Protein backbone atom coordinates (compact mmCIF):
# COMPACT_ATOMS: atom_id res chain seq x y z
CA MET A 1 3.97 -15.66 65.71
CA PHE A 2 5.59 -12.79 63.83
CA ILE A 3 3.12 -13.23 60.97
CA GLY A 4 0.30 -13.31 63.51
CA CYS A 5 1.46 -10.01 64.98
CA ILE A 6 1.25 -8.42 61.53
CA LEU A 7 -2.20 -9.90 60.91
CA GLY A 8 -3.32 -8.57 64.29
CA THR A 9 -2.45 -5.04 63.19
CA ALA A 10 -4.40 -5.41 59.90
CA PRO A 11 -7.73 -4.09 61.30
CA SER A 12 -5.93 -1.03 62.63
CA LEU A 13 -4.14 -0.51 59.29
CA TRP A 14 -7.50 -0.85 57.48
CA LYS A 15 -9.07 1.74 59.77
CA GLN A 16 -6.08 4.06 59.41
CA ALA A 17 -6.14 3.76 55.61
CA GLY A 18 -9.79 4.85 55.51
CA LYS A 19 -9.66 7.67 58.05
CA LYS A 20 -9.86 10.28 55.28
CA GLY A 21 -12.46 8.43 53.25
CA ARG A 22 -12.62 5.26 51.19
CA SER A 23 -14.18 4.62 47.80
CA GLY A 24 -14.33 1.76 45.33
CA ARG A 25 -11.20 2.93 43.54
CA HIS A 26 -9.24 2.72 46.78
CA ILE A 27 -10.29 -0.93 47.17
CA VAL A 28 -9.23 -1.55 43.57
CA LEU A 29 -5.90 0.14 44.31
CA LEU A 30 -5.39 -2.05 47.39
CA ILE A 31 -6.08 -5.22 45.38
CA ALA A 32 -3.85 -4.05 42.52
CA ALA A 33 -0.99 -3.19 44.91
CA PHE A 34 -1.37 -6.60 46.57
CA ALA A 35 -1.39 -8.47 43.23
CA PHE A 36 1.52 -6.50 41.75
CA SER A 37 3.64 -6.80 44.91
CA LEU A 38 2.93 -10.51 45.29
CA THR A 39 3.81 -11.16 41.63
CA PHE A 40 7.00 -9.12 41.92
CA LEU A 41 8.05 -10.85 45.16
CA LEU A 42 7.25 -14.33 43.81
CA PHE A 43 9.25 -13.61 40.65
CA GLY A 44 12.13 -12.11 42.61
CA GLU A 45 12.21 -14.93 45.15
CA GLN A 46 14.29 -17.20 42.91
CA PHE A 47 16.88 -14.43 42.43
CA LEU A 48 16.82 -12.53 45.71
CA ALA A 49 15.21 -14.25 48.67
CA GLY A 50 17.87 -15.52 51.05
CA ASN A 51 20.60 -15.16 48.41
CA ILE A 52 21.56 -11.52 48.78
CA ARG A 53 25.26 -11.00 49.39
CA GLN A 54 25.71 -9.05 52.58
CA ASN A 55 28.05 -6.11 52.13
CA PHE A 56 28.12 -2.36 52.74
CA GLY A 57 25.72 -1.68 49.86
CA THR A 58 23.10 -4.23 50.82
CA TRP A 59 23.24 -3.23 54.50
CA THR A 60 22.73 0.38 53.41
CA LEU A 61 19.70 -0.79 51.40
CA ALA A 62 18.42 -2.56 54.52
CA GLY A 63 18.82 0.69 56.43
CA GLY A 64 16.94 2.49 53.67
CA LEU A 65 14.02 0.08 54.12
CA ILE A 66 14.05 0.74 57.86
CA GLY A 67 14.08 4.50 57.20
CA LEU A 68 11.17 4.09 54.80
CA GLY A 69 9.27 2.17 57.47
CA ALA A 70 9.84 5.09 59.85
CA ILE A 71 8.28 7.68 57.54
CA VAL A 72 5.57 5.59 55.86
CA PRO A 73 2.81 4.63 58.34
CA GLY A 74 1.99 0.93 58.28
CA LEU A 75 4.91 -0.16 56.10
CA SER A 76 6.77 -3.10 57.65
CA PRO A 77 10.46 -3.22 56.65
CA SER A 78 10.85 -6.40 58.74
CA ASN A 79 8.84 -8.35 56.15
CA PHE A 80 11.20 -7.38 53.36
CA LEU A 81 14.32 -8.02 55.47
CA ILE A 82 13.03 -11.51 56.32
CA TYR A 83 12.17 -12.07 52.65
CA MET A 84 15.73 -11.11 51.66
CA GLY A 85 17.23 -13.32 54.35
CA MET A 86 18.89 -10.39 56.14
CA TYR A 87 16.75 -9.88 59.24
CA LYS A 88 18.45 -12.38 61.57
CA ASP A 89 21.97 -11.42 60.49
CA MET A 90 21.14 -7.75 60.99
CA ALA A 91 19.74 -8.43 64.46
CA ASP A 92 22.82 -10.51 65.32
CA GLY A 93 25.11 -7.76 63.98
CA ILE A 94 23.43 -5.10 66.11
CA LYS A 95 23.47 -7.38 69.16
CA SER A 96 27.21 -8.07 68.78
CA LEU A 97 27.98 -4.38 68.00
CA ASP A 98 29.29 -5.24 64.52
CA PHE A 99 29.88 -1.79 63.04
CA MET A 100 30.20 -3.27 59.54
CA VAL A 101 26.45 -3.84 59.90
CA ILE A 102 25.44 -0.99 62.20
CA LEU A 103 27.10 1.88 60.29
CA PRO A 104 25.65 1.18 56.80
CA VAL A 105 22.22 0.40 58.28
CA ALA A 106 22.26 3.69 60.21
CA LEU A 107 23.52 5.55 57.12
CA GLY A 108 20.81 4.09 54.87
CA ALA A 109 18.09 4.90 57.40
CA ALA A 110 19.32 8.47 57.94
CA VAL A 111 19.68 9.26 54.22
CA THR A 112 16.22 7.84 53.43
CA VAL A 113 14.55 9.84 56.20
CA LEU A 114 16.36 13.06 55.21
CA LEU A 115 15.67 12.71 51.49
CA LEU A 116 12.15 11.30 51.46
CA SER A 117 10.36 12.49 54.61
CA LYS A 118 9.14 15.77 53.09
CA LEU A 119 8.20 14.09 49.83
CA MET A 120 6.18 11.39 51.64
CA ASP A 121 4.51 14.06 53.78
CA LEU A 122 3.50 15.95 50.62
CA ILE A 123 2.14 12.81 48.94
CA PHE A 124 0.14 11.90 52.05
CA LYS A 125 -1.36 15.39 52.14
CA LYS A 126 -2.34 15.22 48.47
CA ALA A 127 -3.45 11.57 48.19
CA TYR A 128 -3.64 10.03 51.65
CA ALA A 129 -6.33 7.41 50.99
CA GLY A 130 -4.78 6.14 47.76
CA LEU A 131 -1.27 5.83 49.18
CA ALA A 132 -2.48 4.28 52.45
CA HIS A 133 -4.49 1.59 50.64
CA GLY A 134 -1.57 0.90 48.30
CA ILE A 135 0.74 0.46 51.30
CA LEU A 136 -1.75 -1.90 52.93
CA GLY A 137 -1.73 -4.03 49.77
CA ILE A 138 2.09 -4.16 49.83
CA VAL A 139 2.15 -5.11 53.53
CA LEU A 140 -0.32 -7.95 52.96
CA ALA A 141 1.66 -9.27 49.97
CA SER A 142 4.97 -9.17 51.84
CA THR A 143 3.34 -10.97 54.78
CA VAL A 144 2.17 -13.78 52.48
CA MET A 145 5.74 -14.11 51.18
CA ILE A 146 7.29 -14.76 54.59
CA VAL A 147 4.98 -17.69 55.38
CA PRO A 148 7.31 -20.74 55.48
CA ARG A 149 6.03 -22.72 52.50
CA ASN A 150 8.83 -25.29 52.18
CA ALA A 151 8.81 -26.44 55.80
CA ALA A 152 8.06 -30.10 56.52
CA TYR A 153 4.99 -29.66 58.70
CA THR A 154 3.65 -32.47 60.84
CA VAL A 155 0.17 -32.28 62.35
CA GLY A 156 1.72 -31.34 65.70
CA SER A 157 4.02 -28.65 64.32
CA ALA A 158 1.18 -27.22 62.21
CA LEU A 159 -1.02 -26.93 65.29
CA VAL A 160 1.80 -25.25 67.24
CA CYS A 161 2.37 -22.80 64.37
CA LEU A 162 -1.35 -22.05 64.19
CA ALA A 163 -1.52 -21.48 67.96
CA LEU A 164 1.51 -19.16 67.83
CA CYS A 165 0.02 -17.29 64.87
CA LEU A 166 -3.24 -16.76 66.77
CA ALA A 167 -1.31 -15.65 69.87
CA GLY A 168 0.68 -13.21 67.74
CA ALA A 169 -2.53 -11.87 66.17
CA ALA A 170 -4.02 -11.31 69.63
CA LEU A 171 -0.82 -9.55 70.74
CA GLY A 172 -0.74 -7.33 67.63
CA TYR A 173 -4.40 -6.41 68.02
CA TRP A 174 -3.95 -5.67 71.74
CA MET A 175 -0.92 -3.43 71.06
CA CYS A 176 -2.91 -1.45 68.46
CA THR A 177 -5.72 -1.05 71.01
CA LEU A 178 -3.23 0.25 73.56
CA GLU A 179 -1.81 2.69 71.02
CA ARG A 180 -5.27 4.10 70.27
CA LYS A 181 -6.05 4.50 73.98
CA HIS A 182 -2.84 6.40 74.66
CA LYS A 183 -3.17 8.66 71.61
CA LYS A 184 -6.65 10.00 72.45
CA PRO A 185 -5.80 11.69 75.78
CA ALA A 186 -2.82 13.40 74.15
CA ALA A 187 -5.05 14.82 71.40
CA VAL A 188 -7.55 16.14 73.96
CA LYS A 189 -4.77 17.70 76.01
CA VAL A 190 -3.41 19.57 72.97
CA GLU A 191 -6.90 20.80 72.08
CA VAL A 192 -7.51 22.10 75.59
CA SER A 193 -4.17 23.87 75.75
CA ALA A 194 -4.83 25.43 72.33
CA GLU A 195 -8.16 26.81 73.53
CA ALA A 196 -6.49 28.17 76.65
């Protein structure tokens, strides 16, 4: 269902990536980012995925990914946290108010936002389309990597997974539609007040 939610947002991410124009080289960049990211994640899976030792440093890194997701539109840190096997433990740590998890995650997120927000803003202003298509390629590759490939599927469980994926896709698409609807009135309101 989680994967479905991400897939449901893909049309919105595609539209967002092309809002300042799209050319053939941007498509090539998207494909290259997807291929490079997928190769890197497949290679790193045997060393990293699910085997990362959880300590102050790695929780700070997790926070850094969350901070990056906050300043880079469309980037999904959840994919990478699931890939590294840290998502559930982080959620459990936050739920149980484990400050050995909460503090480094908050620190990593805060430092990333403070250090990189202006830089990312500058890059987006200079090369929005290229960066947005590159990010879309990374998101798609990281989504492929969190598909459970070693699970023992039966016909029944496969059908349930497919149904949940489709339900998640519908939910993700619907949420993007809601977001677009609620953004438009705000933009009109600002324009009217500016004219006034």
